[in-house]
Structures are given as structure tokens and as C-alpha cells.
Amino acid sequence: MRRLLAQRREGESITWRVRSAAEVLGVRERAVWRWLAAAERDEAAAAAPGERTAYRGRFVVTDEVRAMLGLWKGNVAAVHRELTARAARGEGVSPPSVPTLHRAIRRDLSPGERAGLSGGERAARKHDVFLARPRGWRNQVWETDHMQAPVLVDVDGATRRPWITWFTDCATNVITGVAVTPVYPSRESVLAALRSAVLREEPYGPFGGLPEKVRVDRGKDFLSRTVTAAFDVLDVMVEDLPAYTPHLKGTVEGLNRAVEGMFLAALPGYARQPRPGKRPSRPKGEVLLGFEDFTARLLDWTRWWNTEHRPAPLRGRTPLEVWQDDATPLRDVPATDLWTFTLEDAGTRTLTTRGVRFKRRDYVGAWMTGQAGIRVRVRFMPHHDHRIEVYHAAGGRYLGPADLADQATEEQIAAVRRARATRARRLKKDLQASQRERYAAATRPGAPRRLGALTTAQAGAELARATGTDLSDLSLPDLIPPAAPPAGWRTPASLAALTTPGLPAPLPPGRDSASVPERRAAPPITGEDGDAL
């Protein structure tokens, strides 16, 4: 446009140039002539031909309007009503029409800003542009994460949604290790998945070895003292990503999305995403998978992903082929050393004739015969209370395992669990019944009105029961009166009446009656008339 403007000012014929520019830009010839006229009036218009310039009085989106959009979740009609109400109160100018407000918002706010004001940071992130990391080489970087499977599974008679913990290699898309937990995972799940990821022996397959770096997302299990100590011993750097940045570990996040659509959605008990306000529906008579069956199917799918699946980023190759084509040397760790490095350290103990004392319980092993009196170091797998691993405190030599002495049978443990569950259900029911309150439905503005009438006798009986369970009300401070002070002490009459006569109070240590000086009685205080006060 600036070139056409300069040629026109020089007196050259630009008709054919305007026609050519219109064909290139895909607009009518009249539009180019109109842009050229606008550029002659204002040279700033030549920088953005066709854009509507701002004029005095045009409505623009201010910070106040942005705040209203965020408050009303992007509802433009609600923002217009708010602006109209403020103008009626004299707090601002009259707003434009709703279509004009829509046009101003589309003009002044980007699609990401509009989505963020309506749906939050996650919605705004969908309009961002992200760079792709270079592929690198195998075991250069791993990513790890927890994922709750949207599948209902039968776990000892209870319906639960299991959790999956896995490690994946960013260069080859290989799932190096996986662990399944019936309940919320802990550091024990991370350590179990890490062992399966590092070991390359059967049944873990050819994938594994030690990575150079592992990316985590601030999970407390991945950053626990035990897990970080294991990574430090294995010489693996941990990269703690900032919060709410799933795009920084896109490999494992993509795996979380892929496993649901490619595998979990076809399983019985799949918890389908319901519509807002609706409960997830399940077919009647659907038989749920057991935890063992679910774990077996997931491991089979993992094996298929590694050996047969051909992800688009790998350009027609399987993760196994990419792994085998990479000549990067692998760092292996013996299974015994890896087991030791991934155990939690509990410090040193003394081996006695009752075994090793750990968490107020005794652990014994056949190898302890004749070893009483030595100092040992205890290491254990978190939450596995039935067994510990014992090492020599001086040289670190492995001595052997130790099992819990006097361990309860499976029948006893099951009975205790049933009793605890029954007690928890009864307590929950009692608490809900005691705290349930009902209010009257209101059709006019007014204070909330509680429902539920009580007679005087019912209120008194309930207060009596509550008083009987309060330990502070059951205390009897005057049951045993204090002993009488020594005879030479001056005691107020009100306190002397509450003491036990004939039972002098014990003297302080190191003092006897002879060492207590006799106190003289103070002369009575008299008034002007001589009477004692």
C-alpha cells in the first residue's frame, strides 16, 4: 500500500497495479482504491489496510469489563446487564448494545483470553502454541505420573477405581515400567514401578536401564525422601516441573489420554463421563473385573503398546523398533542392588534375643541364631509391614530378611477389617443423624427457620445425656478437701473451712517443724471507735 501511494504521488498510472494487488489479496478492486484513499488521509492506515481505525467514542474493553467477564464466566449478556445497572445508578456511562459489546470483545480480546475468562487457565491453554522437544536418545529422559483408571474393579468385595503408575521413555515412547494400586498410590507404588522400569530381565522385557533424567510434576510421592534418595543413589537427576504445566511432560500425559480411549473404554465397569448433573450410568447386571484380571489385561496392553503399536510421532515404527535401532549404551543395575537402593532406611537397631524391634513390633529370621548383640541396619518397603530387610551396621553386608513375629492369620485380619468397617458405618450413620437439620422452604425473603419441635422433657433428657458424656462435668474437684496448713500459718477463715482438720499439710522437702519460724500474729486492725475491723 505504501508503494502504491508513493507511485500515485509521483504521477504514475497505478490502475493495473491496483488490479493486480486486488487479485493477489483476493478482494475487489474497489476495496484497494478505498484503502489507498484512507492511506492518503492518514499514512498510519497504510500499515494495516482494511482494518477499521479507532474513532472517538468507540467502545473498547477496559479492565473493568475484563473483570466483569471473569466474574460472569464470559457471559456477555450478564456483563451488559451489570453495565446498564451501574449506569442507572450513575456509576458509569451507558453501555452499547449487546451486539456491539460482542464485537468489541471479539476485537479487543484474543481467543485465548476469552476462553480463559470463561473457563479458566486450562481452557486458555488450549489456544496456546507449544514447541516440540527434540527426540533425543533412549534413556535420556523419562517421564512419570499417576493416573486413576476410569474403570470400576472388584477389590476384595469393594468397588474401587485402581491407580496406574508408570514410567515412559520420551525418545522411543516405550512404557518402561508400570505398577497398579487398588487405592491411592504412595511412594511404594513409585518404587515398585521404578524397579520394573530399570530391570531388563524377564518378565520386564528388553526395555530398561538407568535414565539420565526423570521429569515429575510436584507429586508428593515422587518427591518424598525415600524416592529422591533412591534416585540420588542411582545417579538419576529429578526435574521437578512447575505446577499446572502438564504440557511440559507431554509424553506421559499423551499416554494417559491414549490408554483410556484405546483400552479402558472397552472394559466392563468403565465409568463413562456423564453429562453435567447426571450420575455415571452402568448397564444392569454388569460383572466387574477382579483386580488380578484388570492388572493382567493392563500389562498385556502395555506389551502390545511397546511391540505392535505404531504411534504417529514414530513415523510408522513401533517403540520396540525405535529402541533397538538406538545404539546408546545402557546402564544396568543388578536386581539385588536395585532392591536395596529402593528400600527406605529406618536406622540402626540392636539385635536381641527377641529379634529386631521395629515400630514397636518384633521381627525374627532363621539367620539370627547366634547373632544377638550385634548392631544392624533396618531397611523396608513402605507399607509392607510383614517383612523387613536387615543389613550389618558396620560394613553394610546383607544379613537376611526378618518376618513379623506372632503375625495374625488371614482369617483374623479379615475379621478385624469387617469389625472396623461396621464400626465406621455405624459412626458415620450416627453423625449424620445427629447433624442433620431441616429448614422450612422460603417463598419470601426472611431469616432461615429450622424445623423440628422438641418438648421440654425431650430437651432436658438430651441435655442430660450430653452432660453425662462431658468429662469436664464429671470432674469432682471438691471430693478430697486439701489438708490443713501448719498451725503457725495465717490462713483466711474461708480457706480454713474447706480444709481437713487434724491433718497438717506436708512441709517442703528439707524442712522440719523446728526450722519453721514461729510467726507472730499480726495486731488486729481497729477503727476509730476501737472495734476490730
Protein backbone atom coordinates (compact mmCIF):
# COMPACT_ATOMS: atom_id res chain seq x y z
CA MET A 1 0.00 0.00 0.00
CA ARG A 2 2.86 2.40 0.75
CA ARG A 3 4.37 1.57 -2.66
CA LEU A 4 1.10 2.34 -4.46
CA LEU A 5 0.76 5.57 -2.52
CA ALA A 6 4.29 6.68 -3.50
CA GLN A 7 3.74 5.86 -7.20
CA ARG A 8 0.46 7.76 -7.19
CA ARG A 9 2.13 10.83 -5.70
CA GLU A 10 4.80 10.65 -8.42
CA GLY A 11 2.05 10.86 -11.06
CA GLU A 12 2.39 7.32 -12.40
CA SER A 13 -0.61 5.28 -13.55
CA ILE A 14 -1.37 2.65 -10.93
CA THR A 15 -4.61 1.22 -12.32
CA TRP A 16 -3.10 -2.07 -13.42
CA ARG A 17 -1.11 -2.26 -10.16
CA VAL A 18 -4.31 -1.83 -8.11
CA ARG A 19 -5.99 -4.54 -10.16
CA SER A 20 -3.02 -6.88 -9.63
CA ALA A 21 -2.97 -6.20 -5.87
CA ALA A 22 -6.70 -6.97 -5.64
CA GLU A 23 -6.18 -10.32 -7.37
CA VAL A 24 -3.29 -11.23 -5.07
CA LEU A 25 -5.15 -10.24 -1.90
CA GLY A 26 -8.41 -11.85 -3.01
CA VAL A 27 -10.51 -8.70 -2.63
CA ARG A 28 -12.39 -6.43 -5.00
CA GLU A 29 -10.63 -3.62 -6.82
CA ARG A 30 -12.89 -1.09 -5.11
CA ALA A 31 -11.55 -2.20 -1.72
CA VAL A 32 -7.95 -1.46 -2.76
CA TRP A 33 -8.93 2.01 -4.03
CA ARG A 34 -10.73 2.64 -0.72
CA TRP A 35 -7.65 1.58 1.27
CA LEU A 36 -5.49 3.84 -0.88
CA ALA A 37 -7.79 6.81 -0.18
CA ALA A 38 -7.63 6.12 3.55
CA ALA A 39 -3.82 5.99 3.36
CA GLU A 40 -3.74 9.38 1.64
CA ARG A 41 -5.71 10.87 4.52
CA ASP A 42 -3.66 9.11 7.20
CA GLU A 43 -0.38 7.35 6.41
CA ALA A 44 -0.80 5.16 9.52
CA ALA A 45 -3.64 3.37 7.73
CA ALA A 46 -1.15 2.06 5.15
CA ALA A 47 0.40 -0.23 7.75
CA ALA A 48 -2.88 -2.17 8.21
CA PRO A 49 -5.03 -1.77 5.10
CA GLY A 50 -8.65 -2.71 5.56
CA GLU A 51 -8.60 -2.51 9.33
CA ARG A 52 -11.22 -0.31 10.88
CA THR A 53 -9.47 2.52 12.66
CA ALA A 54 -10.46 3.66 16.09
CA TYR A 55 -12.68 6.68 16.29
CA ARG A 56 -13.69 8.89 19.11
CA GLY A 57 -16.48 7.43 21.19
CA ARG A 58 -15.94 3.82 20.08
CA PHE A 59 -16.48 1.34 22.90
CA VAL A 60 -13.33 -0.52 24.00
CA VAL A 61 -12.90 -3.32 26.53
CA THR A 62 -11.44 -1.87 29.71
CA ASP A 63 -10.00 -3.61 32.76
CA GLU A 64 -13.35 -3.20 34.46
CA VAL A 65 -15.12 -5.03 31.64
CA ARG A 66 -12.49 -7.79 31.75
CA ALA A 67 -13.10 -8.21 35.47
CA MET A 68 -16.85 -8.48 34.85
CA LEU A 69 -16.28 -11.09 32.15
CA GLY A 70 -14.24 -13.14 34.58
CA LEU A 71 -16.88 -12.74 37.29
CA TRP A 72 -19.72 -13.82 34.97
CA LYS A 73 -17.69 -16.62 33.30
CA GLY A 74 -17.71 -14.94 29.87
CA ASN A 75 -21.46 -14.25 29.84
CA VAL A 76 -21.68 -11.10 27.71
CA ALA A 77 -25.42 -10.62 28.36
CA ALA A 78 -24.79 -10.64 32.12
CA VAL A 79 -21.97 -8.10 31.70
CA HIS A 80 -24.32 -5.88 29.68
CA ARG A 81 -26.93 -6.04 32.44
CA GLU A 82 -24.30 -5.13 35.02
CA LEU A 83 -23.10 -2.16 32.98
CA THR A 84 -26.69 -0.99 32.48
CA ALA A 85 -27.39 -1.22 36.22
CA ARG A 86 -24.27 0.77 37.04
CA ALA A 87 -25.20 3.42 34.51
CA ALA A 88 -28.66 3.68 36.11
CA ARG A 89 -27.01 4.30 39.49
CA GLY A 90 -24.81 6.98 37.98
CA GLU A 91 -21.60 4.94 38.28
CA GLY A 92 -20.72 4.94 34.59
CA VAL A 93 -21.76 5.77 31.06
CA SER A 94 -24.48 3.96 29.20
CA PRO A 95 -23.15 0.75 27.63
CA PRO A 96 -23.54 -0.07 23.93
CA SER A 97 -25.94 -2.66 22.62
CA VAL A 98 -25.28 -6.35 23.15
CA PRO A 99 -24.12 -6.97 19.53
CA THR A 100 -21.73 -4.01 19.78
CA LEU A 101 -20.39 -5.38 23.07
CA HIS A 102 -19.86 -8.77 21.42
CA ARG A 103 -17.94 -7.16 18.55
CA ALA A 104 -15.77 -5.15 20.96
CA ILE A 105 -14.91 -8.25 22.97
CA ARG A 106 -14.01 -10.23 19.84
CA ARG A 107 -11.93 -7.31 18.59
CA ASP A 108 -10.05 -6.41 21.78
CA LEU A 109 -9.60 -9.88 23.33
CA SER A 110 -7.78 -12.81 21.82
CA PRO A 111 -9.45 -16.24 21.63
CA GLY A 112 -7.23 -17.45 24.48
CA GLU A 113 -8.22 -14.52 26.69
CA ARG A 114 -11.92 -15.10 26.01
CA ALA A 115 -11.59 -18.81 26.76
CA GLY A 116 -9.61 -18.08 29.94
CA LEU A 117 -12.16 -15.62 31.27
CA SER A 118 -14.89 -18.16 30.58
CA GLY A 119 -13.29 -21.48 31.53
CA GLY A 120 -10.09 -20.70 33.42
CA GLU A 121 -6.43 -21.42 32.79
CA ARG A 122 -6.99 -24.89 31.38
CA ALA A 123 -9.36 -23.56 28.71
CA ALA A 124 -6.97 -20.73 27.82
CA ARG A 125 -4.08 -23.18 27.44
CA LYS A 126 -5.87 -24.84 24.51
CA HIS A 127 -5.25 -21.72 22.42
CA ASP A 128 -1.51 -21.54 23.19
CA VAL A 129 1.27 -22.61 20.86
CA PHE A 130 3.80 -25.10 22.24
CA LEU A 131 7.20 -26.08 20.96
CA ALA A 132 8.15 -29.71 20.47
CA ARG A 133 11.24 -31.02 22.20
CA PRO A 134 13.84 -32.85 20.12
CA ARG A 135 13.57 -36.64 20.33
CA GLY A 136 16.99 -37.27 21.81
CA TRP A 137 18.15 -40.80 22.57
CA ARG A 138 16.83 -43.70 24.63
CA ASN A 139 17.02 -43.32 28.40
CA GLN A 140 17.91 -39.67 28.08
CA VAL A 141 14.69 -38.50 29.73
CA TRP A 142 11.85 -40.42 31.37
CA GLU A 143 8.51 -39.06 32.48
CA THR A 144 6.35 -40.49 35.24
CA ASP A 145 2.85 -39.89 36.53
CA HIS A 146 -0.10 -41.34 38.45
CA MET A 147 -3.41 -41.96 36.71
CA GLN A 148 -6.71 -43.12 38.20
CA ALA A 149 -8.29 -45.55 35.76
CA PRO A 150 -11.95 -44.71 34.99
CA VAL A 151 -12.87 -48.39 35.47
CA LEU A 152 -14.68 -49.92 38.44
CA VAL A 153 -12.85 -53.02 39.69
CA ASP A 154 -13.79 -55.56 42.37
CA VAL A 155 -11.17 -55.39 45.14
CA ASP A 156 -11.94 -57.84 47.96
CA GLY A 157 -15.67 -57.30 47.55
CA ALA A 158 -15.43 -53.50 47.34
CA THR A 159 -15.82 -51.46 44.15
CA ARG A 160 -12.81 -49.27 43.53
CA ARG A 161 -11.08 -47.37 40.74
CA PRO A 162 -7.44 -48.50 40.64
CA TRP A 163 -4.47 -46.22 40.09
CA ILE A 164 -1.73 -46.72 37.50
CA THR A 165 1.84 -45.53 37.99
CA TRP A 166 4.17 -45.76 35.03
CA PHE A 167 7.42 -44.54 33.52
CA THR A 168 7.76 -43.81 29.82
CA ASP A 169 10.80 -43.03 27.66
CA CYS A 170 10.45 -39.72 25.77
CA ALA A 171 12.66 -40.69 22.80
CA THR A 172 11.02 -44.03 21.93
CA ASN A 173 7.53 -43.81 23.55
CA VAL A 174 8.32 -47.06 25.38
CA ILE A 175 6.48 -47.81 28.63
CA THR A 176 9.48 -48.91 30.66
CA GLY A 177 7.68 -49.71 33.91
CA VAL A 178 4.18 -49.88 35.37
CA ALA A 179 2.60 -50.58 38.75
CA VAL A 180 -1.10 -50.88 39.64
CA THR A 181 -2.53 -49.97 43.07
CA PRO A 182 -6.10 -50.69 44.23
CA VAL A 183 -6.19 -47.45 46.25
CA TYR A 184 -4.45 -44.10 46.08
CA PRO A 185 -0.76 -44.70 45.29
CA SER A 186 2.11 -43.88 47.60
CA ARG A 187 5.89 -43.88 47.45
CA GLU A 188 5.74 -47.68 47.50
CA SER A 189 3.95 -47.57 44.12
CA VAL A 190 6.64 -45.29 42.70
CA LEU A 191 9.43 -47.57 43.91
CA ALA A 192 7.73 -50.69 42.53
CA ALA A 193 7.22 -49.03 39.13
CA LEU A 194 10.82 -47.80 39.18
CA ARG A 195 12.19 -51.31 39.79
CA SER A 196 10.12 -52.72 36.92
CA ALA A 197 11.33 -49.86 34.71
CA VAL A 198 15.04 -50.22 35.44
CA LEU A 199 15.31 -54.02 35.33
CA ARG A 200 15.71 -55.56 31.88
CA GLU A 201 15.29 -59.16 32.98
CA GLU A 202 12.19 -61.24 32.35
CA PRO A 203 9.29 -60.56 32.59
CA TYR A 204 10.13 -56.86 32.15
CA GLY A 205 11.42 -57.25 28.58
CA PRO A 206 14.38 -55.63 26.83
CA PHE A 207 13.43 -52.10 27.90
CA GLY A 208 15.03 -50.51 30.92
CA GLY A 209 18.31 -49.40 32.39
CA LEU A 210 19.01 -46.20 34.28
CA PRO A 211 17.83 -42.92 32.73
CA GLU A 212 19.76 -39.70 32.87
CA LYS A 213 16.77 -37.60 33.97
CA VAL A 214 13.20 -38.14 35.21
CA ARG A 215 10.52 -35.47 34.98
CA VAL A 216 7.90 -35.29 37.75
CA ASP A 217 5.09 -32.81 38.41
CA ARG A 218 5.47 -31.87 42.09
CA GLY A 219 3.73 -35.03 43.31
CA LYS A 220 4.46 -35.60 46.98
CA ASP A 221 5.04 -39.32 46.33
CA PHE A 222 7.65 -38.67 43.64
CA LEU A 223 9.40 -36.03 45.78
CA SER A 224 9.33 -37.98 49.04
CA ARG A 225 12.54 -38.51 50.94
CA THR A 226 12.68 -42.23 50.09
CA VAL A 227 12.15 -41.79 46.34
CA THR A 228 14.56 -38.88 45.99
CA ALA A 229 17.18 -40.81 47.96
CA ALA A 230 16.77 -43.77 45.59
CA PHE A 231 17.22 -41.50 42.56
CA ASP A 232 20.31 -39.93 44.12
CA VAL A 233 21.91 -43.31 44.79
CA LEU A 234 21.12 -44.44 41.25
CA ASP A 235 22.65 -41.21 39.85
CA VAL A 236 19.39 -40.07 38.22
CA MET A 237 18.56 -36.36 38.08
CA VAL A 238 14.99 -35.42 39.02
CA GLU A 239 13.43 -32.46 37.21
CA ASP A 240 10.61 -31.01 39.27
CA LEU A 241 8.28 -29.25 36.85
CA PRO A 242 6.23 -26.18 37.84
CA ALA A 243 2.68 -26.72 38.99
CA TYR A 244 -0.18 -26.85 36.44
CA THR A 245 2.12 -27.39 33.45
CA PRO A 246 1.10 -30.76 32.00
CA HIS A 247 2.40 -29.72 28.57
CA LEU A 248 5.96 -29.92 29.94
CA LYS A 249 5.60 -33.71 30.25
CA GLY A 250 3.51 -34.33 27.18
CA THR A 251 4.72 -37.89 26.58
CA VAL A 252 3.20 -39.38 29.72
CA GLU A 253 0.14 -37.10 29.53
CA GLY A 254 -0.49 -38.34 26.00
CA LEU A 255 -0.18 -41.90 27.30
CA ASN A 256 -2.79 -41.14 29.98
CA ARG A 257 -5.22 -39.99 27.30
CA ALA A 258 -4.42 -42.83 24.91
CA VAL A 259 -4.92 -45.67 27.39
CA GLU A 260 -8.48 -44.57 28.14
CA GLY A 261 -9.64 -44.38 24.54
CA MET A 262 -7.68 -47.38 23.27
CA PHE A 263 -8.09 -49.82 26.15
CA LEU A 264 -10.03 -48.78 29.28
CA ALA A 265 -13.19 -47.67 27.46
CA ALA A 266 -13.82 -51.24 26.27
CA LEU A 267 -13.59 -52.86 29.72
CA PRO A 268 -16.61 -53.77 31.84
CA GLY A 269 -17.19 -51.24 34.59
CA TYR A 270 -15.92 -48.31 32.55
CA ALA A 271 -17.07 -45.15 34.34
CA ARG A 272 -18.36 -43.20 31.39
CA GLN A 273 -18.20 -39.44 31.64
CA PRO A 274 -21.76 -38.29 32.48
CA ARG A 275 -23.47 -35.13 31.46
CA PRO A 276 -23.33 -32.26 33.97
CA GLY A 277 -25.66 -33.02 36.84
CA LYS A 278 -26.03 -36.69 35.92
CA ARG A 279 -24.55 -39.72 37.61
CA PRO A 280 -22.48 -42.14 35.56
CA SER A 281 -24.69 -44.91 34.21
CA ARG A 282 -23.78 -48.59 34.23
CA PRO A 283 -25.55 -51.45 32.49
CA LYS A 284 -27.64 -53.56 34.83
CA GLY A 285 -26.12 -56.89 35.75
CA GLU A 286 -22.63 -55.88 34.60
CA VAL A 287 -19.95 -58.14 36.08
CA LEU A 288 -16.86 -56.21 37.16
CA LEU A 289 -13.32 -57.38 36.64
CA GLY A 290 -11.27 -58.54 39.58
CA PHE A 291 -8.10 -56.65 40.46
CA GLU A 292 -5.89 -59.51 39.27
CA ASP A 293 -7.70 -59.76 35.93
CA PHE A 294 -7.55 -55.99 35.43
CA THR A 295 -3.80 -55.94 36.13
CA ALA A 296 -3.18 -58.81 33.72
CA ARG A 297 -5.12 -57.10 30.94
CA LEU A 298 -3.32 -53.80 31.52
CA LEU A 299 0.09 -55.49 31.33
CA ASP A 300 -0.95 -57.22 28.09
CA TRP A 301 -1.98 -53.87 26.64
CA THR A 302 1.35 -52.37 27.74
CA ARG A 303 3.15 -55.17 25.94
CA TRP A 304 1.06 -54.50 22.81
CA TRP A 305 1.85 -50.79 23.01
CA ASN A 306 5.59 -51.44 23.16
CA THR A 307 5.82 -54.13 20.48
CA GLU A 308 2.94 -53.69 17.99
CA HIS A 309 1.51 -50.19 18.23
CA ARG A 310 2.87 -47.62 15.77
CA PRO A 311 2.42 -44.09 17.18
CA ALA A 312 2.31 -41.24 14.70
CA PRO A 313 5.41 -39.46 16.10
CA LEU A 314 7.50 -42.59 15.37
CA ARG A 315 6.59 -42.46 11.64
CA GLY A 316 5.33 -45.98 11.16
CA ARG A 317 7.70 -47.76 13.54
CA THR A 318 6.92 -49.49 16.82
CA PRO A 319 8.55 -48.38 20.09
CA LEU A 320 10.46 -51.69 20.11
CA GLU A 321 11.97 -51.00 16.69
CA VAL A 322 12.99 -47.48 17.67
CA TRP A 323 14.54 -48.81 20.89
CA GLN A 324 16.52 -51.49 19.10
CA ASP A 325 17.71 -49.10 16.38
CA ASP A 326 19.19 -46.78 19.01
CA ALA A 327 22.80 -47.70 19.78
CA THR A 328 23.05 -45.68 23.01
CA PRO A 329 24.70 -47.86 25.72
CA LEU A 330 22.50 -48.80 28.66
CA ARG A 331 23.35 -48.58 32.36
CA ASP A 332 22.17 -51.72 34.15
CA VAL A 333 21.89 -52.33 37.88
CA PRO A 334 21.85 -55.83 39.44
CA ALA A 335 18.48 -56.82 40.83
CA THR A 336 19.82 -57.28 44.36
CA ASP A 337 21.43 -53.83 44.40
CA LEU A 338 18.33 -52.23 42.92
CA TRP A 339 16.18 -53.82 45.61
CA THR A 340 18.48 -52.42 48.28
CA PHE A 341 18.57 -48.93 46.79
CA THR A 342 14.79 -48.70 46.57
CA LEU A 343 14.13 -49.53 50.23
CA GLU A 344 13.51 -46.97 52.95
CA ASP A 345 16.15 -46.67 55.66
CA ALA A 346 14.95 -46.95 59.27
CA GLY A 347 18.29 -46.52 61.04
CA THR A 348 20.25 -48.92 63.24
CA ARG A 349 18.98 -51.31 65.88
CA THR A 350 20.43 -53.88 68.28
CA LEU A 351 19.58 -57.49 67.55
CA THR A 352 18.32 -59.02 70.81
CA THR A 353 17.12 -62.46 71.80
CA ARG A 354 13.63 -61.38 70.68
CA GLY A 355 14.82 -60.33 67.25
CA VAL A 356 14.83 -56.80 65.79
CA ARG A 357 12.49 -54.22 67.30
CA PHE A 358 10.84 -52.07 64.62
CA LYS A 359 7.73 -49.91 65.03
CA ARG A 360 7.11 -51.45 68.48
CA ARG A 361 6.97 -54.94 66.99
CA ASP A 362 9.44 -57.80 66.87
CA TYR A 363 10.83 -59.27 63.62
CA VAL A 364 12.69 -62.57 63.54
CA GLY A 365 14.54 -64.65 60.95
CA ALA A 366 16.24 -68.04 60.87
CA TRP A 367 19.66 -66.45 60.23
CA MET A 368 19.52 -64.62 63.60
CA THR A 369 20.59 -67.69 65.56
CA GLY A 370 23.75 -66.82 67.50
CA GLN A 371 23.73 -63.19 66.30
CA ALA A 372 22.17 -61.50 69.35
CA GLY A 373 24.00 -58.36 70.43
CA ILE A 374 25.19 -57.06 67.05
CA ARG A 375 24.18 -53.71 65.58
CA VAL A 376 22.13 -53.95 62.40
CA ARG A 377 20.54 -51.51 59.95
CA VAL A 378 16.89 -51.92 59.02
CA ARG A 379 15.53 -51.17 55.56
CA PHE A 380 11.95 -51.79 54.49
CA MET A 381 9.46 -51.32 51.69
CA PRO A 382 6.90 -48.64 52.67
CA HIS A 383 3.57 -50.07 53.91
CA HIS A 384 4.88 -53.66 53.72
CA ASP A 385 4.83 -54.29 57.47
CA HIS A 386 5.10 -58.07 57.28
CA ARG A 387 8.83 -58.14 56.39
CA ILE A 388 11.97 -56.03 56.76
CA GLU A 389 15.47 -56.35 55.32
CA VAL A 390 18.39 -56.39 57.74
CA TYR A 391 21.98 -55.31 57.00
CA HIS A 392 25.11 -55.19 59.14
CA ALA A 393 25.51 -51.73 60.64
CA ALA A 394 29.29 -51.62 60.25
CA GLY A 395 30.02 -52.89 56.75
CA GLY A 396 26.54 -52.80 55.19
CA ARG A 397 26.62 -56.54 54.45
CA TYR A 398 23.20 -58.03 53.79
CA LEU A 399 22.22 -60.42 56.57
CA GLY A 400 18.75 -61.53 55.50
CA PRO A 401 15.02 -60.85 55.79
CA ALA A 402 13.07 -60.78 59.02
CA ASP A 403 9.36 -61.55 59.28
CA LEU A 404 6.89 -60.22 61.79
CA ALA A 405 6.69 -62.42 64.88
CA ASP A 406 3.26 -63.58 66.06
CA GLN A 407 1.62 -62.42 62.84
CA ALA A 408 -2.15 -62.72 62.74
CA THR A 409 -3.79 -65.16 60.35
CA GLU A 410 -5.72 -64.09 57.28
CA GLU A 411 -9.00 -65.00 58.98
CA GLN A 412 -8.16 -62.81 61.99
CA ILE A 413 -7.15 -59.90 59.78
CA ALA A 414 -10.37 -60.24 57.75
CA ALA A 415 -12.46 -60.28 60.95
CA VAL A 416 -10.72 -57.15 62.25
CA ARG A 417 -11.33 -55.37 58.95
CA ARG A 418 -15.01 -56.31 59.00
CA ALA A 419 -15.35 -55.06 62.57
CA ARG A 420 -13.64 -51.78 61.68
CA ALA A 421 -15.87 -51.29 58.64
CA THR A 422 -19.02 -51.97 60.70
CA ARG A 423 -17.91 -49.52 63.36
CA ALA A 424 -17.11 -46.86 60.75
CA ARG A 425 -20.50 -47.27 59.08
CA ARG A 426 -22.32 -47.07 62.42
CA LEU A 427 -20.35 -43.98 63.47
CA LYS A 428 -20.98 -42.28 60.12
CA LYS A 429 -24.70 -43.01 60.37
CA ASP A 430 -24.88 -41.67 63.93
CA LEU A 431 -23.00 -38.50 63.00
CA GLN A 432 -25.25 -37.87 60.02
CA ALA A 433 -28.36 -38.40 62.13
CA SER A 434 -27.13 -36.06 64.87
CA GLN A 435 -26.07 -33.29 62.50
CA ARG A 436 -29.00 -33.43 60.08
CA GLU A 437 -31.00 -30.23 60.18
CA ARG A 438 -34.07 -29.28 58.17
CA TYR A 439 -35.21 -25.80 57.24
CA ALA A 440 -38.54 -24.52 56.05
CA ALA A 441 -38.88 -23.66 52.36
CA ALA A 442 -38.97 -19.90 51.82
CA THR A 443 -41.05 -18.07 49.22
CA ARG A 444 -40.30 -14.60 50.58
CA PRO A 445 -37.09 -13.02 51.89
CA GLY A 446 -36.52 -13.78 55.54
CA ALA A 447 -34.26 -15.46 58.08
CA PRO A 448 -33.86 -19.26 57.77
CA ARG A 449 -36.30 -21.15 60.04
CA ARG A 450 -35.28 -24.52 61.46
CA LEU A 451 -37.78 -27.35 61.56
CA GLY A 452 -38.17 -29.96 64.25
CA ALA A 453 -40.09 -29.45 67.51
CA LEU A 454 -38.95 -30.68 70.95
CA THR A 455 -40.86 -30.94 74.19
CA THR A 456 -39.36 -29.67 77.41
CA ALA A 457 -38.85 -33.23 78.64
CA GLN A 458 -37.08 -34.29 75.42
CA ALA A 459 -34.77 -31.28 75.55
CA GLY A 460 -33.93 -31.94 79.20
CA ALA A 461 -33.21 -35.62 78.56
CA GLU A 462 -30.91 -34.86 75.63
CA LEU A 463 -29.03 -32.22 77.61
CA ALA A 464 -28.64 -34.68 80.47
CA ARG A 465 -27.13 -37.26 78.11
CA ALA A 466 -24.76 -34.65 76.68
CA THR A 467 -23.73 -33.59 80.21
CA GLY A 468 -23.05 -37.19 81.17
CA THR A 469 -20.57 -37.61 78.34
CA ASP A 470 -18.62 -34.40 79.06
CA LEU A 471 -15.53 -35.30 81.10
CA SER A 472 -15.17 -31.75 82.39
CA ASP A 473 -18.61 -32.03 84.02
CA LEU A 474 -17.71 -35.38 85.56
CA SER A 475 -14.70 -33.99 87.44
CA LEU A 476 -15.15 -33.53 91.22
CA PRO A 477 -12.52 -31.07 92.45
CA ASP A 478 -14.01 -30.88 95.99
CA LEU A 479 -14.19 -34.65 96.57
CA ILE A 480 -10.92 -34.70 98.58
CA PRO A 481 -10.52 -31.41 100.51
CA PRO A 482 -6.99 -30.02 100.90
CA ALA A 483 -5.10 -30.73 104.13
CA ALA A 484 -4.94 -28.13 106.89
CA PRO A 485 -1.86 -25.84 106.84
CA PRO A 486 0.60 -25.80 109.75
CA ALA A 487 -0.62 -24.25 112.98
CA GLY A 488 1.73 -21.28 112.77
CA TRP A 489 0.47 -20.19 109.35
CA ARG A 490 -2.09 -17.46 108.94
CA THR A 491 -4.98 -18.86 106.95
CA PRO A 492 -8.12 -16.99 105.86
CA ALA A 493 -11.25 -18.24 107.51
CA SER A 494 -12.88 -19.03 104.15
CA LEU A 495 -9.99 -21.36 103.21
CA ALA A 496 -9.67 -22.91 106.67
CA ALA A 497 -13.29 -24.07 106.49
CA LEU A 498 -12.52 -26.10 103.35
CA THR A 499 -9.51 -27.96 104.77
CA THR A 500 -9.42 -31.27 106.60
CA PRO A 501 -8.90 -30.64 110.35
CA GLY A 502 -6.25 -32.63 112.16
CA LEU A 503 -4.27 -33.45 109.01
CA PRO A 504 -1.40 -30.97 108.61
CA ALA A 505 -0.05 -30.39 105.14
CA PRO A 506 3.37 -31.87 104.36
CA LEU A 507 6.25 -29.44 104.67
CA PRO A 508 8.51 -28.63 101.75
CA PRO A 509 11.48 -31.01 101.27
CA GLY A 510 14.47 -30.34 103.55
CA ARG A 511 12.46 -28.51 106.20
CA ASP A 512 11.06 -29.76 109.51
CA SER A 513 8.87 -28.23 112.13
CA ALA A 514 11.83 -26.97 114.14
CA SER A 515 13.17 -24.98 111.20
CA VAL A 516 9.87 -23.27 110.57
CA PRO A 517 9.98 -19.94 112.37
CA GLU A 518 7.04 -19.15 114.54
CA ARG A 519 5.04 -16.41 113.00
CA ARG A 520 3.65 -13.75 115.25
CA ALA A 521 0.05 -12.94 114.99
CA ALA A 522 -0.48 -9.52 113.49
CA PRO A 523 -2.25 -6.99 115.73
CA PRO A 524 -5.87 -6.59 114.82
CA ILE A 525 -6.81 -3.63 112.74
CA THR A 526 -9.22 -1.38 114.62
CA GLY A 527 -11.32 1.51 113.57
CA GLU A 528 -11.77 4.92 115.16
CA ASP A 529 -14.15 3.51 117.75
CA GLY A 530 -11.74 0.73 118.75
CA ASP A 531 -13.73 -2.10 117.27
CA ALA A 532 -11.85 -4.66 115.22
CA LEU A 533 -12.40 -4.49 111.54
